[in-house]
């Protein structure tokens, strides 16, 4: 953590990409927050031979929510950051055209 570099950027997004990003983040949060109560309620209210199904469904929701949040935790994935420049992946060409030209 001490050797990591970071930079703060203001990223302009079109409405459709911003909405997709927000929706997937909220989906991950809802899956994670609903997984534990689902396991408790399902395990307590279902017959004993179906308790494993309720717990398995909760674990799958927990895993899916964690994956959603991990994948959509940031808009751009940094590949290299030096003192003056950051290099990122997961960038579409339309977004790159919105940025100012790189200084020579």
N, C-alpha and C. Protein backbone atom coordinates (compact mmCIF):
# COMPACT_ATOMS: atom_id res chain seq x y z
N UNK A 1 0.81 -1.19 0.00
CA UNK A 1 0.00 0.00 0.00
C UNK A 1 0.86 1.26 0.00
N UNK A 2 2.03 1.20 0.62
CA UNK A 2 2.87 2.39 0.70
C UNK A 2 3.49 2.74 -0.65
N UNK A 3 3.65 1.74 -1.52
CA UNK A 3 4.32 1.97 -2.79
C UNK A 3 3.35 2.18 -3.94
N UNK A 4 2.08 2.20 -3.65
CA UNK A 4 1.09 2.41 -4.69
C UNK A 4 1.01 3.88 -5.05
N UNK A 5 0.84 4.14 -6.32
CA UNK A 5 0.60 5.50 -6.78
C UNK A 5 -0.88 5.62 -7.12
N UNK A 6 -1.41 6.80 -6.95
CA UNK A 6 -2.80 7.03 -7.30
C UNK A 6 -2.95 8.41 -7.90
N UNK A 7 -4.04 8.59 -8.59
CA UNK A 7 -4.36 9.89 -9.15
C UNK A 7 -5.87 10.03 -9.15
N UNK A 8 -6.33 11.25 -8.98
CA UNK A 8 -7.75 11.54 -8.99
C UNK A 8 -8.09 12.15 -10.33
N UNK A 9 -9.15 11.62 -10.94
CA UNK A 9 -9.55 12.11 -12.25
C UNK A 9 -11.04 12.39 -12.25
N UNK A 10 -11.45 13.38 -12.97
CA UNK A 10 -12.86 13.61 -13.24
C UNK A 10 -13.13 13.05 -14.62
N UNK A 11 -13.99 12.04 -14.67
CA UNK A 11 -14.22 11.33 -15.92
C UNK A 11 -15.60 11.66 -16.46
N UNK A 12 -15.67 12.26 -17.65
CA UNK A 12 -16.99 12.53 -18.23
C UNK A 12 -17.55 11.24 -18.83
N UNK A 13 -18.78 10.91 -18.48
CA UNK A 13 -19.43 9.73 -19.03
C UNK A 13 -20.75 10.13 -19.68
N UNK A 14 -21.09 9.41 -20.72
CA UNK A 14 -22.42 9.63 -21.30
C UNK A 14 -23.45 9.03 -20.35
N UNK A 15 -24.69 9.43 -20.53
CA UNK A 15 -25.75 9.00 -19.62
C UNK A 15 -25.92 7.49 -19.60
N UNK A 16 -25.81 6.83 -20.75
CA UNK A 16 -26.02 5.38 -20.79
C UNK A 16 -24.92 4.63 -20.05
N UNK A 17 -23.67 5.05 -20.21
CA UNK A 17 -22.57 4.38 -19.50
C UNK A 17 -22.62 4.66 -18.00
N UNK A 18 -22.96 5.88 -17.63
CA UNK A 18 -23.06 6.21 -16.22
C UNK A 18 -24.18 5.41 -15.56
N UNK A 19 -25.30 5.28 -16.24
CA UNK A 19 -26.43 4.52 -15.71
C UNK A 19 -26.07 3.03 -15.57
N UNK A 20 -25.37 2.50 -16.55
CA UNK A 20 -24.94 1.09 -16.48
C UNK A 20 -23.99 0.88 -15.30
N UNK A 21 -23.05 1.78 -15.13
CA UNK A 21 -22.08 1.69 -14.04
C UNK A 21 -22.80 1.74 -12.68
N UNK A 22 -23.71 2.70 -12.52
CA UNK A 22 -24.44 2.82 -11.26
C UNK A 22 -25.32 1.60 -11.00
N UNK A 23 -25.99 1.12 -12.04
CA UNK A 23 -26.88 -0.03 -11.88
C UNK A 23 -26.11 -1.27 -11.43
N UNK A 24 -24.97 -1.51 -12.03
CA UNK A 24 -24.19 -2.70 -11.67
C UNK A 24 -23.59 -2.57 -10.27
N UNK A 25 -23.19 -1.39 -9.89
CA UNK A 25 -22.70 -1.19 -8.52
C UNK A 25 -23.82 -1.44 -7.51
N UNK A 26 -25.01 -0.87 -7.76
CA UNK A 26 -26.15 -1.06 -6.86
C UNK A 26 -26.58 -2.52 -6.83
N UNK A 27 -26.50 -3.19 -7.96
CA UNK A 27 -26.84 -4.62 -7.99
C UNK A 27 -25.92 -5.41 -7.09
N UNK A 28 -24.63 -5.12 -7.14
CA UNK A 28 -23.68 -5.79 -6.26
C UNK A 28 -23.96 -5.53 -4.79
N UNK A 29 -24.26 -4.29 -4.47
CA UNK A 29 -24.56 -3.93 -3.07
C UNK A 29 -25.82 -4.64 -2.59
N UNK A 30 -26.85 -4.66 -3.43
CA UNK A 30 -28.10 -5.33 -3.04
C UNK A 30 -27.93 -6.84 -2.90
N UNK A 31 -27.16 -7.44 -3.80
CA UNK A 31 -26.92 -8.88 -3.69
C UNK A 31 -26.19 -9.23 -2.40
N UNK A 32 -25.18 -8.45 -2.07
CA UNK A 32 -24.41 -8.73 -0.85
C UNK A 32 -25.26 -8.47 0.38
N UNK A 33 -25.98 -7.36 0.40
CA UNK A 33 -26.75 -7.04 1.60
C UNK A 33 -27.96 -7.96 1.78
N UNK A 34 -28.46 -8.56 0.71
CA UNK A 34 -29.59 -9.46 0.83
C UNK A 34 -29.22 -10.91 1.03
N UNK A 35 -27.95 -11.25 0.83
CA UNK A 35 -27.54 -12.65 0.88
C UNK A 35 -27.64 -13.23 2.30
N UNK A 36 -27.14 -12.54 3.27
CA UNK A 36 -27.14 -13.05 4.65
C UNK A 36 -28.56 -13.17 5.20
N UNK A 37 -29.41 -12.14 5.08
CA UNK A 37 -30.79 -12.31 5.55
C UNK A 37 -31.52 -13.44 4.82
N UNK A 38 -31.25 -13.62 3.54
CA UNK A 38 -31.88 -14.70 2.78
C UNK A 38 -31.48 -16.05 3.34
N UNK A 39 -30.20 -16.20 3.68
CA UNK A 39 -29.74 -17.48 4.25
C UNK A 39 -30.39 -17.73 5.61
N UNK A 40 -30.51 -16.69 6.41
CA UNK A 40 -31.09 -16.85 7.75
C UNK A 40 -32.58 -17.17 7.66
N UNK A 41 -33.31 -16.37 6.89
CA UNK A 41 -34.76 -16.58 6.77
C UNK A 41 -35.06 -17.90 6.05
N UNK A 42 -34.35 -18.16 4.97
CA UNK A 42 -34.57 -19.40 4.24
C UNK A 42 -34.21 -20.63 5.05
N UNK A 43 -33.12 -20.55 5.78
CA UNK A 43 -32.72 -21.68 6.62
C UNK A 43 -33.66 -21.91 7.78
N UNK A 44 -34.26 -20.84 8.29
CA UNK A 44 -35.15 -20.97 9.45
C UNK A 44 -36.57 -21.37 9.04
N UNK A 45 -37.02 -20.94 7.87
CA UNK A 45 -38.42 -21.17 7.52
C UNK A 45 -38.65 -22.38 6.61
N UNK A 46 -37.63 -22.83 5.89
CA UNK A 46 -37.80 -23.98 5.01
C UNK A 46 -37.63 -25.28 5.79
N UNK A 47 -38.20 -26.36 5.26
CA UNK A 47 -37.96 -27.66 5.90
C UNK A 47 -36.47 -28.00 5.89
N UNK A 48 -36.08 -28.87 6.80
CA UNK A 48 -34.66 -29.15 7.00
C UNK A 48 -33.97 -29.68 5.74
N UNK A 49 -34.68 -30.47 4.94
CA UNK A 49 -34.04 -31.02 3.74
C UNK A 49 -33.84 -29.97 2.64
N UNK A 50 -34.43 -28.77 2.77
CA UNK A 50 -34.23 -27.68 1.82
C UNK A 50 -33.32 -26.57 2.38
N UNK A 51 -32.82 -26.74 3.58
CA UNK A 51 -31.98 -25.71 4.19
C UNK A 51 -30.71 -25.49 3.37
N UNK A 52 -30.15 -26.55 2.82
CA UNK A 52 -28.94 -26.42 2.00
C UNK A 52 -29.18 -25.58 0.76
N UNK A 53 -30.38 -25.68 0.20
CA UNK A 53 -30.71 -24.89 -1.00
C UNK A 53 -30.71 -23.40 -0.65
N UNK A 54 -31.30 -23.03 0.49
CA UNK A 54 -31.36 -21.64 0.91
C UNK A 54 -29.96 -21.09 1.17
N UNK A 55 -29.14 -21.88 1.83
CA UNK A 55 -27.77 -21.43 2.13
C UNK A 55 -26.96 -21.34 0.84
N UNK A 56 -27.12 -22.30 -0.06
CA UNK A 56 -26.39 -22.25 -1.34
C UNK A 56 -26.80 -21.03 -2.16
N UNK A 57 -28.10 -20.74 -2.20
CA UNK A 57 -28.57 -19.56 -2.95
C UNK A 57 -28.00 -18.27 -2.36
N UNK A 58 -27.92 -18.21 -1.03
CA UNK A 58 -27.33 -17.04 -0.38
C UNK A 58 -25.85 -16.90 -0.68
N UNK A 59 -25.14 -18.02 -0.70
CA UNK A 59 -23.71 -17.97 -1.00
C UNK A 59 -23.47 -17.57 -2.46
N UNK A 60 -24.33 -18.05 -3.35
CA UNK A 60 -24.21 -17.65 -4.76
C UNK A 60 -24.48 -16.15 -4.92
N UNK A 61 -25.49 -15.64 -4.21
CA UNK A 61 -25.77 -14.20 -4.27
C UNK A 61 -24.62 -13.40 -3.69
N UNK A 62 -24.02 -13.88 -2.62
CA UNK A 62 -22.87 -13.21 -2.02
C UNK A 62 -21.69 -13.18 -2.99
N UNK A 63 -21.43 -14.30 -3.65
CA UNK A 63 -20.35 -14.37 -4.62
C UNK A 63 -20.62 -13.46 -5.82
N UNK A 64 -21.85 -13.49 -6.33
CA UNK A 64 -22.20 -12.65 -7.49
C UNK A 64 -22.09 -11.17 -7.15
N UNK A 65 -22.54 -10.78 -5.97
CA UNK A 65 -22.43 -9.39 -5.55
C UNK A 65 -20.98 -8.95 -5.39
N UNK A 66 -20.16 -9.83 -4.84
CA UNK A 66 -18.73 -9.51 -4.68
C UNK A 66 -18.05 -9.36 -6.02
N UNK A 67 -18.38 -10.21 -6.96
CA UNK A 67 -17.81 -10.11 -8.31
C UNK A 67 -18.25 -8.81 -8.97
N UNK A 68 -19.52 -8.49 -8.84
CA UNK A 68 -20.05 -7.24 -9.42
C UNK A 68 -19.29 -6.03 -8.87
N UNK A 69 -19.11 -5.99 -7.57
CA UNK A 69 -18.41 -4.85 -6.97
C UNK A 69 -16.94 -4.84 -7.33
N UNK A 70 -16.31 -6.00 -7.43
CA UNK A 70 -14.89 -6.04 -7.79
C UNK A 70 -14.68 -5.57 -9.23
N UNK A 71 -15.54 -6.00 -10.13
CA UNK A 71 -15.39 -5.64 -11.54
C UNK A 71 -15.72 -4.17 -11.76
N UNK A 72 -16.74 -3.67 -11.06
CA UNK A 72 -17.17 -2.30 -11.28
C UNK A 72 -16.80 -1.38 -10.12
N UNK A 73 -15.67 -1.66 -9.47
CA UNK A 73 -15.23 -0.79 -8.38
C UNK A 73 -14.62 0.50 -8.91
N UNK A 74 -14.10 0.46 -10.11
CA UNK A 74 -13.60 1.69 -10.72
C UNK A 74 -13.94 1.67 -12.20
N UNK A 75 -14.08 2.83 -12.76
CA UNK A 75 -14.43 2.93 -14.18
C UNK A 75 -13.29 2.53 -15.08
N UNK A 76 -12.10 2.94 -14.74
CA UNK A 76 -10.92 2.63 -15.53
C UNK A 76 -9.98 1.77 -14.70
N UNK A 77 -9.32 0.84 -15.35
CA UNK A 77 -8.35 -0.02 -14.66
C UNK A 77 -6.94 0.52 -14.95
N UNK A 78 -6.24 1.00 -13.91
CA UNK A 78 -4.89 1.52 -14.15
C UNK A 78 -3.92 0.39 -14.48
N UNK A 79 -3.09 0.62 -15.50
CA UNK A 79 -2.05 -0.34 -15.83
C UNK A 79 -0.67 0.19 -15.44
N UNK A 80 -0.52 1.52 -15.44
CA UNK A 80 0.75 2.12 -15.04
C UNK A 80 0.51 3.59 -14.72
N UNK A 81 1.07 4.06 -13.62
CA UNK A 81 0.99 5.47 -13.26
C UNK A 81 2.40 5.94 -12.93
N UNK A 82 2.86 6.97 -13.63
CA UNK A 82 4.16 7.56 -13.28
C UNK A 82 3.91 8.95 -12.70
N UNK A 83 4.94 9.78 -12.64
CA UNK A 83 4.79 11.08 -12.00
C UNK A 83 3.89 12.05 -12.76
N UNK A 84 3.73 11.86 -14.06
CA UNK A 84 2.98 12.82 -14.85
C UNK A 84 1.83 12.22 -15.67
N UNK A 85 1.83 10.92 -15.82
CA UNK A 85 0.89 10.30 -16.74
C UNK A 85 0.31 9.03 -16.13
N UNK A 86 -0.92 8.74 -16.45
CA UNK A 86 -1.54 7.48 -16.07
C UNK A 86 -1.96 6.73 -17.32
N UNK A 87 -1.76 5.42 -17.33
CA UNK A 87 -2.15 4.57 -18.44
C UNK A 87 -3.24 3.63 -17.92
N UNK A 88 -4.32 3.51 -18.70
CA UNK A 88 -5.47 2.77 -18.23
C UNK A 88 -5.97 1.81 -19.30
N UNK A 89 -6.63 0.76 -18.85
CA UNK A 89 -7.31 -0.15 -19.77
C UNK A 89 -8.82 0.02 -19.58
N UNK A 90 -9.61 -0.71 -20.36
CA UNK A 90 -11.08 -0.63 -20.34
C UNK A 90 -11.57 0.73 -20.79
N UNK A 91 -10.96 1.28 -21.80
CA UNK A 91 -11.35 2.59 -22.32
C UNK A 91 -11.83 2.40 -23.76
N UNK A 92 -13.00 2.94 -24.06
CA UNK A 92 -13.49 2.82 -25.44
C UNK A 92 -12.99 4.01 -26.26
N UNK A 93 -12.87 3.84 -27.57
CA UNK A 93 -12.37 4.91 -28.44
C UNK A 93 -13.21 6.18 -28.39
N UNK A 94 -14.51 6.05 -28.19
CA UNK A 94 -15.37 7.24 -28.10
C UNK A 94 -14.96 8.10 -26.92
N UNK A 95 -14.66 7.47 -25.79
CA UNK A 95 -14.21 8.21 -24.61
C UNK A 95 -12.87 8.89 -24.87
N UNK A 96 -11.96 8.21 -25.54
CA UNK A 96 -10.64 8.79 -25.81
C UNK A 96 -10.73 10.03 -26.68
N UNK A 97 -11.70 10.09 -27.57
CA UNK A 97 -11.86 11.27 -28.43
C UNK A 97 -12.30 12.50 -27.63
N UNK A 98 -12.90 12.29 -26.44
CA UNK A 98 -13.32 13.41 -25.62
C UNK A 98 -12.16 14.08 -24.87
N UNK A 99 -11.05 13.36 -24.72
CA UNK A 99 -9.92 13.86 -23.95
C UNK A 99 -9.05 14.79 -24.78
N UNK A 100 -8.34 15.72 -24.13
CA UNK A 100 -7.42 16.60 -24.87
C UNK A 100 -6.25 15.77 -25.42
N UNK A 101 -5.61 16.24 -26.47
CA UNK A 101 -4.49 15.49 -27.03
C UNK A 101 -3.33 15.37 -26.04
N UNK A 102 -2.59 14.29 -26.17
CA UNK A 102 -1.44 14.05 -25.30
C UNK A 102 -0.33 15.02 -25.69
N UNK A 103 0.26 15.74 -24.72
CA UNK A 103 1.36 16.66 -25.06
C UNK A 103 2.59 15.88 -25.53
N UNK A 104 3.27 16.45 -26.48
CA UNK A 104 4.48 15.80 -27.04
C UNK A 104 5.68 16.10 -26.19
